[in-house]
Amino acid sequence: SVDTIIRGDTVLFRYLTSDKKIPVKNLSVFYTDAKLYSINIRIEKSNAWFSLEQELSMKPADGYNITGKQKMAVGKEVNFKIAGRFIPENTTTK
């Protein structure tokens, strides 16, 4: 399903599916005051050999997080997390 919700200066675009053939299960994009506020994505893939779950959250003002887990048919489950932040272009690093 696809929804768009508008409340004042806030807009939410949301996509949801439970179709096993489509890996993107949930996608939400939030705008506030006509600026991107956040994006959230959930991905699930699986077959006879492995299963994979990933979540991405991103806020331009803060950065992003990617978390997930992968399980092979034979082997241990692997959990991971990747995080980053955005540095404005006019900022110099020393």
PDB file of N, CA and C in Angstrom:
ATOM      1  N   SER A   1       0.835  -1.177   0.000  1.00  0.00           N
ATOM      2  CA  SER A   1       0.000   0.000   0.000  1.00  0.00           C
ATOM      3  C   SER A   1       0.883   1.244   0.000  1.00  0.00           C
ATOM      4  N   VAL A   2       0.351   2.300  -0.540  1.00  0.00           N
ATOM      5  CA  VAL A   2       1.046   3.579  -0.597  1.00  0.00           C
ATOM      6  C   VAL A   2       0.119   4.630   0.002  1.00  0.00           C
ATOM      7  N   ASP A   3       0.654   5.416   0.946  1.00  0.00           N
ATOM      8  CA  ASP A   3      -0.118   6.469   1.589  1.00  0.00           C
ATOM      9  C   ASP A   3       0.659   7.761   1.571  1.00  0.00           C
ATOM     10  N   THR A   4      -0.056   8.858   1.520  1.00  0.00           N
ATOM     11  CA  THR A   4       0.520  10.177   1.734  1.00  0.00           C
ATOM     12  C   THR A   4      -0.333  10.859   2.790  1.00  0.00           C
ATOM     13  N   ILE A   5       0.331  11.303   3.859  1.00  0.00           N
ATOM     14  CA  ILE A   5      -0.370  11.978   4.949  1.00  0.00           C
ATOM     15  C   ILE A   5       0.185  13.388   5.055  1.00  0.00           C
ATOM     16  N   ILE A   6      -0.708  14.369   5.061  1.00  0.00           N
ATOM     17  CA  ILE A   6      -0.292  15.764   5.185  1.00  0.00           C
ATOM     18  C   ILE A   6      -0.985  16.349   6.408  1.00  0.00           C
ATOM     19  N   ARG A   7      -0.167  16.879   7.318  1.00  0.00           N
ATOM     20  CA  ARG A   7      -0.683  17.544   8.523  1.00  0.00           C
ATOM     21  C   ARG A   7       0.099  18.829   8.715  1.00  0.00           C
ATOM     22  N   GLY A   8      -0.518  19.931   8.400  1.00  0.00           N
ATOM     23  CA  GLY A   8       0.167  21.215   8.527  1.00  0.00           C
ATOM     24  C   GLY A   8       1.385  21.264   7.625  1.00  0.00           C
ATOM     25  N   ASP A   9       2.563  21.500   8.207  1.00  0.00           N
ATOM     26  CA  ASP A   9       3.813  21.577   7.456  1.00  0.00           C
ATOM     27  C   ASP A   9       4.528  20.240   7.341  1.00  0.00           C
ATOM     28  N   THR A  10       3.894  19.154   7.792  1.00  0.00           N
ATOM     29  CA  THR A  10       4.516  17.835   7.780  1.00  0.00           C
ATOM     30  C   THR A  10       3.858  16.951   6.720  1.00  0.00           C
ATOM     31  N   VAL A  11       4.706  16.295   5.918  1.00  0.00           N
ATOM     32  CA  VAL A  11       4.227  15.371   4.882  1.00  0.00           C
ATOM     33  C   VAL A  11       4.929  14.033   5.093  1.00  0.00           C
ATOM     34  N   LEU A  12       4.154  12.956   5.064  1.00  0.00           N
ATOM     35  CA  LEU A  12       4.689  11.607   5.179  1.00  0.00           C
ATOM     36  C   LEU A  12       4.268  10.812   3.948  1.00  0.00           C
ATOM     37  N   PHE A  13       5.256  10.278   3.233  1.00  0.00           N
ATOM     38  CA  PHE A  13       5.008   9.331   2.151  1.00  0.00           C
ATOM     39  C   PHE A  13       5.358   7.965   2.714  1.00  0.00           C
ATOM     40  N   ARG A  14       4.437   7.002   2.596  1.00  0.00           N
ATOM     41  CA  ARG A  14       4.685   5.689   3.186  1.00  0.00           C
ATOM     42  C   ARG A  14       4.311   4.590   2.195  1.00  0.00           C
ATOM     43  N   TYR A  15       5.190   3.607   2.091  1.00  0.00           N
ATOM     44  CA  TYR A  15       4.989   2.440   1.238  1.00  0.00           C
ATOM     45  C   TYR A  15       5.161   1.204   2.112  1.00  0.00           C
ATOM     46  N   LEU A  16       4.224   0.280   2.053  1.00  0.00           N
ATOM     47  CA  LEU A  16       4.284  -0.969   2.813  1.00  0.00           C
ATOM     48  C   LEU A  16       3.901  -2.132   1.918  1.00  0.00           C
ATOM     49  N   THR A  17       4.589  -3.259   2.074  1.00  0.00           N
ATOM     50  CA  THR A  17       4.190  -4.467   1.360  1.00  0.00           C
ATOM     51  C   THR A  17       4.567  -5.696   2.179  1.00  0.00           C
ATOM     52  N   SER A  18       3.847  -6.762   1.973  1.00  0.00           N
ATOM     53  CA  SER A  18       4.196  -8.047   2.568  1.00  0.00           C
ATOM     54  C   SER A  18       4.513  -9.064   1.471  1.00  0.00           C
ATOM     55  N   ASP A  19       4.594  -8.595   0.230  1.00  0.00           N
ATOM     56  CA  ASP A  19       4.914  -9.451  -0.918  1.00  0.00           C
ATOM     57  C   ASP A  19       6.341  -9.980  -0.775  1.00  0.00           C
ATOM     58  N   LYS A  20       6.513 -11.283  -0.719  1.00  0.00           N
ATOM     59  CA  LYS A  20       7.831 -11.889  -0.521  1.00  0.00           C
ATOM     60  C   LYS A  20       8.773 -11.649  -1.693  1.00  0.00           C
ATOM     61  N   LYS A  21       8.253 -11.326  -2.858  1.00  0.00           N
ATOM     62  CA  LYS A  21       9.092 -11.082  -4.031  1.00  0.00           C
ATOM     63  C   LYS A  21       9.705  -9.682  -4.031  1.00  0.00           C
ATOM     64  N   ILE A  22       9.195  -8.787  -3.199  1.00  0.00           N
ATOM     65  CA  ILE A  22       9.684  -7.408  -3.145  1.00  0.00           C
ATOM     66  C   ILE A  22      10.487  -7.228  -1.862  1.00  0.00           C
ATOM     67  N   PRO A  23      11.804  -6.963  -1.971  1.00  0.00           N
ATOM     68  CA  PRO A  23      12.619  -6.876  -0.755  1.00  0.00           C
ATOM     69  C   PRO A  23      12.342  -5.643   0.114  1.00  0.00           C
ATOM     70  N   VAL A  24      11.941  -4.528  -0.470  1.00  0.00           N
ATOM     71  CA  VAL A  24      11.656  -3.332   0.328  1.00  0.00           C
ATOM     72  C   VAL A  24      10.262  -3.496   0.925  1.00  0.00           C
ATOM     73  N   LYS A  25      10.224  -3.719   2.232  1.00  0.00           N
ATOM     74  CA  LYS A  25       8.950  -3.969   2.917  1.00  0.00           C
ATOM     75  C   LYS A  25       8.306  -2.694   3.426  1.00  0.00           C
ATOM     76  N   ASN A  26       9.122  -1.710   3.759  1.00  0.00           N
ATOM     77  CA  ASN A  26       8.605  -0.480   4.341  1.00  0.00           C
ATOM     78  C   ASN A  26       9.518   0.663   3.923  1.00  0.00           C
ATOM     79  N   LEU A  27       8.915   1.733   3.443  1.00  0.00           N
ATOM     80  CA  LEU A  27       9.660   2.937   3.076  1.00  0.00           C
ATOM     81  C   LEU A  27       8.843   4.127   3.542  1.00  0.00           C
ATOM     82  N   SER A  28       9.461   4.973   4.365  1.00  0.00           N
ATOM     83  CA  SER A  28       8.795   6.176   4.863  1.00  0.00           C
ATOM     84  C   SER A  28       9.703   7.368   4.610  1.00  0.00           C
ATOM     85  N   VAL A  29       9.132   8.425   4.070  1.00  0.00           N
ATOM     86  CA  VAL A  29       9.877   9.663   3.822  1.00  0.00           C
ATOM     87  C   VAL A  29       9.096  10.789   4.479  1.00  0.00           C
ATOM     88  N   PHE A  30       9.747  11.504   5.405  1.00  0.00           N
ATOM     89  CA  PHE A  30       9.122  12.604   6.131  1.00  0.00           C
ATOM     90  C   PHE A  30       9.695  13.939   5.665  1.00  0.00           C
ATOM     91  N   TYR A  31       8.811  14.869   5.410  1.00  0.00           N
ATOM     92  CA  TYR A  31       9.199  16.248   5.123  1.00  0.00           C
ATOM     93  C   TYR A  31       8.548  17.141   6.171  1.00  0.00           C
ATOM     94  N   THR A  32       9.247  18.166   6.595  1.00  0.00           N
ATOM     95  CA  THR A  32       8.660  19.171   7.465  1.00  0.00           C
ATOM     96  C   THR A  32       9.159  20.533   7.012  1.00  0.00           C
ATOM     97  N   ASP A  33       8.278  21.481   6.953  1.00  0.00           N
ATOM     98  CA  ASP A  33       8.597  22.818   6.451  1.00  0.00           C
ATOM     99  C   ASP A  33       9.253  22.750   5.069  1.00  0.00           C
ATOM    100  N   ALA A  34       8.760  21.861   4.212  1.00  0.00           N
ATOM    101  CA  ALA A  34       9.228  21.675   2.835  1.00  0.00           C
ATOM    102  C   ALA A  34      10.680  21.201   2.753  1.00  0.00           C
ATOM    103  N   LYS A  35      11.221  20.632   3.839  1.00  0.00           N
ATOM    104  CA  LYS A  35      12.580  20.094   3.847  1.00  0.00           C
ATOM    105  C   LYS A  35      12.533  18.632   4.275  1.00  0.00           C
ATOM    106  N   LEU A  36      13.427  17.843   3.692  1.00  0.00           N
ATOM    107  CA  LEU A  36      13.520  16.440   4.085  1.00  0.00           C
ATOM    108  C   LEU A  36      13.911  16.342   5.546  1.00  0.00           C
ATOM    109  N   TYR A  37      13.117  15.602   6.316  1.00  0.00           N
ATOM    110  CA  TYR A  37      13.413  15.406   7.734  1.00  0.00           C
ATOM    111  C   TYR A  37      14.043  14.037   7.977  1.00  0.00           C
ATOM    112  N   SER A  38      13.462  12.973   7.380  1.00  0.00           N
ATOM    113  CA  SER A  38      14.026  11.640   7.586  1.00  0.00           C
ATOM    114  C   SER A  38      13.536  10.657   6.529  1.00  0.00           C
ATOM    115  N   ILE A  39      14.323   9.594   6.374  1.00  0.00           N
ATOM    116  CA  ILE A  39      13.963   8.467   5.519  1.00  0.00           C
ATOM    117  C   ILE A  39      14.191   7.204   6.336  1.00  0.00           C
ATOM    118  N   ASN A  40      13.232   6.280   6.293  1.00  0.00           N
ATOM    119  CA  ASN A  40      13.360   4.985   6.961  1.00  0.00           C
ATOM    120  C   ASN A  40      13.004   3.896   5.960  1.00  0.00           C
ATOM    121  N   ILE A  41      13.859   2.876   5.883  1.00  0.00           N
ATOM    122  CA  ILE A  41      13.649   1.776   4.934  1.00  0.00           C
ATOM    123  C   ILE A  41      13.883   0.457   5.661  1.00  0.00           C
ATOM    124  N   ARG A  42      13.016  -0.513   5.411  1.00  0.00           N
ATOM    125  CA  ARG A  42      13.202  -1.877   5.927  1.00  0.00           C
ATOM    126  C   ARG A  42      13.234  -2.829   4.734  1.00  0.00           C
ATOM    127  N   ILE A  43      14.271  -3.668   4.700  1.00  0.00           N
ATOM    128  CA  ILE A  43      14.464  -4.625   3.611  1.00  0.00           C
ATOM    129  C   ILE A  43      14.534  -6.028   4.198  1.00  0.00           C
ATOM    130  N   GLU A  44      13.857  -6.964   3.550  1.00  0.00           N
ATOM    131  CA  GLU A  44      13.920  -8.375   3.946  1.00  0.00           C
ATOM    132  C   GLU A  44      14.069  -9.219   2.690  1.00  0.00           C
ATOM    133  N   LYS A  45      15.049 -10.123   2.718  1.00  0.00           N
ATOM    134  CA  LYS A  45      15.259 -11.068   1.619  1.00  0.00           C
ATOM    135  C   LYS A  45      15.493 -12.438   2.231  1.00  0.00           C
ATOM    136  N   SER A  46      15.008 -13.457   1.580  1.00  0.00           N
ATOM    137  CA  SER A  46      15.307 -14.806   2.053  1.00  0.00           C
ATOM    138  C   SER A  46      15.086 -15.812   0.930  1.00  0.00           C
ATOM    139  N   ASN A  47      15.816 -16.897   1.027  1.00  0.00           N
ATOM    140  CA  ASN A  47      15.626 -18.043   0.146  1.00  0.00           C
ATOM    141  C   ASN A  47      16.092 -19.276   0.921  1.00  0.00           C
ATOM    142  N   ALA A  48      16.295 -20.376   0.248  1.00  0.00           N
ATOM    143  CA  ALA A  48      16.691 -21.607   0.934  1.00  0.00           C
ATOM    144  C   ALA A  48      18.081 -21.496   1.551  1.00  0.00           C
ATOM    145  N   TRP A  49      18.909 -20.579   1.078  1.00  0.00           N
ATOM    146  CA  TRP A  49      20.302 -20.481   1.522  1.00  0.00           C
ATOM    147  C   TRP A  49      20.552 -19.425   2.587  1.00  0.00           C
ATOM    148  N   PHE A  50      19.742 -18.358   2.606  1.00  0.00           N
ATOM    149  CA  PHE A  50      20.016 -17.298   3.570  1.00  0.00           C
ATOM    150  C   PHE A  50      18.781 -16.458   3.831  1.00  0.00           C
ATOM    151  N   SER A  51      18.838 -15.704   4.929  1.00  0.00           N
ATOM    152  CA  SER A  51      17.838 -14.673   5.193  1.00  0.00           C
ATOM    153  C   SER A  51      18.583 -13.401   5.583  1.00  0.00           C
ATOM    154  N   LEU A  52      18.050 -12.272   5.190  1.00  0.00           N
ATOM    155  CA  LEU A  52      18.686 -10.987   5.435  1.00  0.00           C
ATOM    156  C   LEU A  52      17.622  -9.973   5.822  1.00  0.00           C
ATOM    157  N   GLU A  53      17.884  -9.217   6.878  1.00  0.00           N
ATOM    158  CA  GLU A  53      17.030  -8.109   7.290  1.00  0.00           C
ATOM    159  C   GLU A  53      17.923  -6.886   7.457  1.00  0.00           C
ATOM    160  N   GLN A  54      17.496  -5.757   6.905  1.00  0.00           N
ATOM    161  CA  GLN A  54      18.247  -4.514   7.028  1.00  0.00           C
ATOM    162  C   GLN A  54      17.288  -3.369   7.310  1.00  0.00           C
ATOM    163  N   GLU A  55      17.743  -2.421   8.106  1.00  0.00           N
ATOM    164  CA  GLU A  55      16.987  -1.199   8.350  1.00  0.00           C
ATOM    165  C   GLU A  55      17.920  -0.017   8.167  1.00  0.00           C
ATOM    166  N   LEU A  56      17.453   0.960   7.427  1.00  0.00           N
ATOM    167  CA  LEU A  56      18.195   2.192   7.207  1.00  0.00           C
ATOM    168  C   LEU A  56      17.371   3.337   7.756  1.00  0.00           C
ATOM    169  N   SER A  57      17.994   4.180   8.557  1.00  0.00           N
ATOM    170  CA  SER A  57      17.336   5.414   8.979  1.00  0.00           C
ATOM    171  C   SER A  57      18.310   6.550   8.710  1.00  0.00           C
ATOM    172  N   MET A  58      17.791   7.640   8.171  1.00  0.00           N
ATOM    173  CA  MET A  58      18.636   8.756   7.796  1.00  0.00           C
ATOM    174  C   MET A  58      17.919  10.056   8.103  1.00  0.00           C
ATOM    175  N   LYS A  59      18.641  10.961   8.748  1.00  0.00           N
ATOM    176  CA  LYS A  59      18.171  12.323   8.972  1.00  0.00           C
ATOM    177  C   LYS A  59      19.281  13.248   8.499  1.00  0.00           C
ATOM    178  N   PRO A  60      19.014  14.107   7.531  1.00  0.00           N
ATOM    179  CA  PRO A  60      20.070  14.976   7.020  1.00  0.00           C
ATOM    180  C   PRO A  60      20.766  15.788   8.108  1.00  0.00           C
ATOM    181  N   ALA A  61      20.041  16.170   9.147  1.00  0.00           N
ATOM    182  CA  ALA A  61      20.643  16.973  10.215  1.00  0.00           C
ATOM    183  C   ALA A  61      21.554  16.147  11.125  1.00  0.00           C
ATOM    184  N   ASP A  62      21.363  14.821  11.159  1.00  0.00           N
ATOM    185  CA  ASP A  62      22.100  13.980  12.098  1.00  0.00           C
ATOM    186  C   ASP A  62      23.051  12.996  11.434  1.00  0.00           C
ATOM    187  N   GLY A  63      22.578  12.251  10.465  1.00  0.00           N
ATOM    188  CA  GLY A  63      23.376  11.219   9.823  1.00  0.00           C
ATOM    189  C   GLY A  63      22.509  10.011   9.521  1.00  0.00           C
ATOM    190  N   TYR A  64      23.146   8.847   9.514  1.00  0.00           N
ATOM    191  CA  TYR A  64      22.407   7.643   9.149  1.00  0.00           C
ATOM    192  C   TYR A  64      22.846   6.459   9.990  1.00  0.00           C
ATOM    193  N   ASN A  65      21.977   5.464  10.060  1.00  0.00           N
ATOM    194  CA  ASN A  65      22.256   4.181  10.706  1.00  0.00           C
ATOM    195  C   ASN A  65      21.750   3.083   9.793  1.00  0.00           C
ATOM    196  N   ILE A  66      22.552   2.063   9.630  1.00  0.00           N
ATOM    197  CA  ILE A  66      22.128   0.867   8.920  1.00  0.00           C
ATOM    198  C   ILE A  66      22.359  -0.290   9.878  1.00  0.00           C
ATOM    199  N   THR A  67      21.314  -1.017  10.199  1.00  0.00           N
ATOM    200  CA  THR A  67      21.440  -2.185  11.056  1.00  0.00           C
ATOM    201  C   THR A  67      20.873  -3.379  10.317  1.00  0.00           C
ATOM    202  N   GLY A  68      21.363  -4.542  10.666  1.00  0.00           N
ATOM    203  CA  GLY A  68      20.840  -5.716  10.005  1.00  0.00           C
ATOM    204  C   GLY A  68      21.363  -6.996  10.587  1.00  0.00           C
ATOM    205  N   LYS A  69      20.817  -8.075  10.052  1.00  0.00           N
ATOM    206  CA  LYS A  69      21.298  -9.398  10.410  1.00  0.00           C
ATOM    207  C   LYS A  69      21.152 -10.308   9.207  1.00  0.00           C
ATOM    208  N   GLN A  70      22.097 -11.217   9.119  1.00  0.00           N
ATOM    209  CA  GLN A  70      22.106 -12.173   8.018  1.00  0.00           C
ATOM    210  C   GLN A  70      22.348 -13.556   8.601  1.00  0.00           C
ATOM    211  N   LYS A  71      21.615 -14.513   8.096  1.00  0.00           N
ATOM    212  CA  LYS A  71      21.752 -15.892   8.559  1.00  0.00           C
ATOM    213  C   LYS A  71      21.851 -16.790   7.349  1.00  0.00           C
ATOM    214  N   MET A  72      22.973 -17.476   7.242  1.00  0.00           N
ATOM    215  CA  MET A  72      23.148 -18.452   6.177  1.00  0.00           C
ATOM    216  C   MET A  72      22.531 -19.777   6.639  1.00  0.00           C
ATOM    217  N   ALA A  73      22.171 -20.629   5.689  1.00  0.00           N
ATOM    218  CA  ALA A  73      21.563 -21.915   6.037  1.00  0.00           C
ATOM    219  C   ALA A  73      22.471 -22.712   6.970  1.00  0.00           C
ATOM    220  N   VAL A  74      23.770 -22.626   6.716  1.00  0.00           N
ATOM    221  CA  VAL A  74      24.746 -23.296   7.574  1.00  0.00           C
ATOM    222  C   VAL A  74      25.655 -22.204   8.120  1.00  0.00           C
ATOM    223  N   GLY A  75      25.625 -22.005   9.408  1.00  0.00           N
ATOM    224  CA  GLY A  75      26.491 -20.984   9.985  1.00  0.00           C
ATOM    225  C   GLY A  75      25.755 -20.139  11.002  1.00  0.00           C
ATOM    226  N   LYS A  76      26.528 -19.256  11.601  1.00  0.00           N
ATOM    227  CA  LYS A  76      25.986 -18.395  12.643  1.00  0.00           C
ATOM    228  C   LYS A  76      25.312 -17.165  12.045  1.00  0.00           C
ATOM    229  N   GLU A  77      24.419 -16.601  12.825  1.00  0.00           N
ATOM    230  CA  GLU A  77      23.788 -15.337  12.452  1.00  0.00           C
ATOM    231  C   GLU A  77      24.811 -14.213  12.633  1.00  0.00           C
ATOM    232  N   VAL A  78      24.832 -13.296  11.676  1.00  0.00           N
ATOM    233  CA  VAL A  78      25.731 -12.144  11.739  1.00  0.00           C
ATOM    234  C   VAL A  78      24.881 -10.892  11.893  1.00  0.00           C
ATOM    235  N   ASN A  79      25.154 -10.123  12.937  1.00  0.00           N
ATOM    236  CA  ASN A  79      24.484  -8.847  13.159  1.00  0.00           C
ATOM    237  C   ASN A  79      25.469  -7.737  12.840  1.00  0.00           C
ATOM    238  N   PHE A  80      24.972  -6.643  12.261  1.00  0.00           N
ATOM    239  CA  PHE A  80      25.867  -5.545  11.942  1.00  0.00           C
ATOM    240  C   PHE A  80      25.176  -4.203  12.129  1.00  0.00           C
ATOM    241  N   LYS A  81      26.012  -3.180  12.302  1.00  0.00           N
ATOM    242  CA  LYS A  81      25.521  -1.815  12.412  1.00  0.00           C
ATOM    243  C   LYS A  81      26.564  -0.889  11.794  1.00  0.00           C
ATOM    244  N   ILE A  82      26.093   0.007  10.963  1.00  0.00           N
ATOM    245  CA  ILE A  82      26.935   1.019  10.332  1.00  0.00           C
ATOM    246  C   ILE A  82      26.300   2.360  10.653  1.00  0.00           C
ATOM    247  N   ALA A  83      27.098   3.303  11.113  1.00  0.00           N
ATOM    248  CA  ALA A  83      26.571   4.626  11.438  1.00  0.00           C
ATOM    249  C   ALA A  83      27.487   5.675  10.845  1.00  0.00           C
ATOM    250  N   GLY A  84      26.903   6.773  10.447  1.00  0.00           N
ATOM    251  CA  GLY A  84      27.687   7.878   9.909  1.00  0.00           C
ATOM    252  C   GLY A  84      26.972   9.183  10.162  1.00  0.00           C
ATOM    253  N   ARG A  85      27.716  10.247  10.030  1.00  0.00           N
ATOM    254  CA  ARG A  85      27.091  11.554  10.163  1.00  0.00           C
ATOM    255  C   ARG A  85      27.539  12.414   9.003  1.00  0.00           C
ATOM    256  N   PHE A  86      26.766  13.432   8.725  1.00  0.00           N
ATOM    257  CA  PHE A  86      27.049  14.324   7.608  1.00  0.00           C
ATOM    258  C   PHE A  86      27.793  15.549   8.118  1.00  0.00           C
ATOM    259  N   ILE A  87      28.829  15.919   7.411  1.00  0.00           N
ATOM    260  CA  ILE A  87      29.619  17.095   7.760  1.00  0.00           C
ATOM    261  C   ILE A  87      29.366  18.139   6.679  1.00  0.00           C
ATOM    262  N   PRO A  88      28.948  19.335   7.055  1.00  0.00           N
ATOM    263  CA  PRO A  88      28.694  20.379   6.049  1.00  0.00           C
ATOM    264  C   PRO A  88      29.928  20.632   5.179  1.00  0.00           C
ATOM    265  N   GLU A  89      29.699  20.988   3.931  1.00  0.00           N
ATOM    266  CA  GLU A  89      30.790  21.201   2.992  1.00  0.00           C
ATOM    267  C   GLU A  89      31.754  22.296   3.432  1.00  0.00           C
ATOM    268  N   ASN A  90      31.261  23.319   4.099  1.00  0.00           N
ATOM    269  CA  ASN A  90      32.120  24.423   4.487  1.00  0.00           C
ATOM    270  C   ASN A  90      32.908  24.159   5.759  1.00  0.00           C
ATOM    271  N   THR A  91      32.814  22.941   6.298  1.00  0.00           N
ATOM    272  CA  THR A  91      33.543  22.583   7.502  1.00  0.00           C
ATOM    273  C   THR A  91      34.860  21.936   7.101  1.00  0.00           C
ATOM    274  N   THR A  92      35.947  22.383   7.683  1.00  0.00           N
ATOM    275  CA  THR A  92      37.234  21.753   7.408  1.00  0.00           C
ATOM    276  C   THR A  92      37.607  20.886   8.590  1.00  0.00           C
ATOM    277  N   THR A  93      38.274  19.779   8.291  1.00  0.00           N
ATOM    278  CA  THR A  93      38.712  18.882   9.346  1.00  0.00           C
ATOM    279  C   THR A  93      40.203  19.074   9.552  1.00  0.00           C
ATOM    280  N   LYS A  94      40.619  18.933  10.769  1.00  0.00           N
ATOM    281  CA  LYS A  94      42.055  19.094  11.089  1.00  0.00           C
ATOM    282  C   LYS A  94      42.595  17.811  11.663  1.00  0.00           C
TER     283      LYS A  94
END
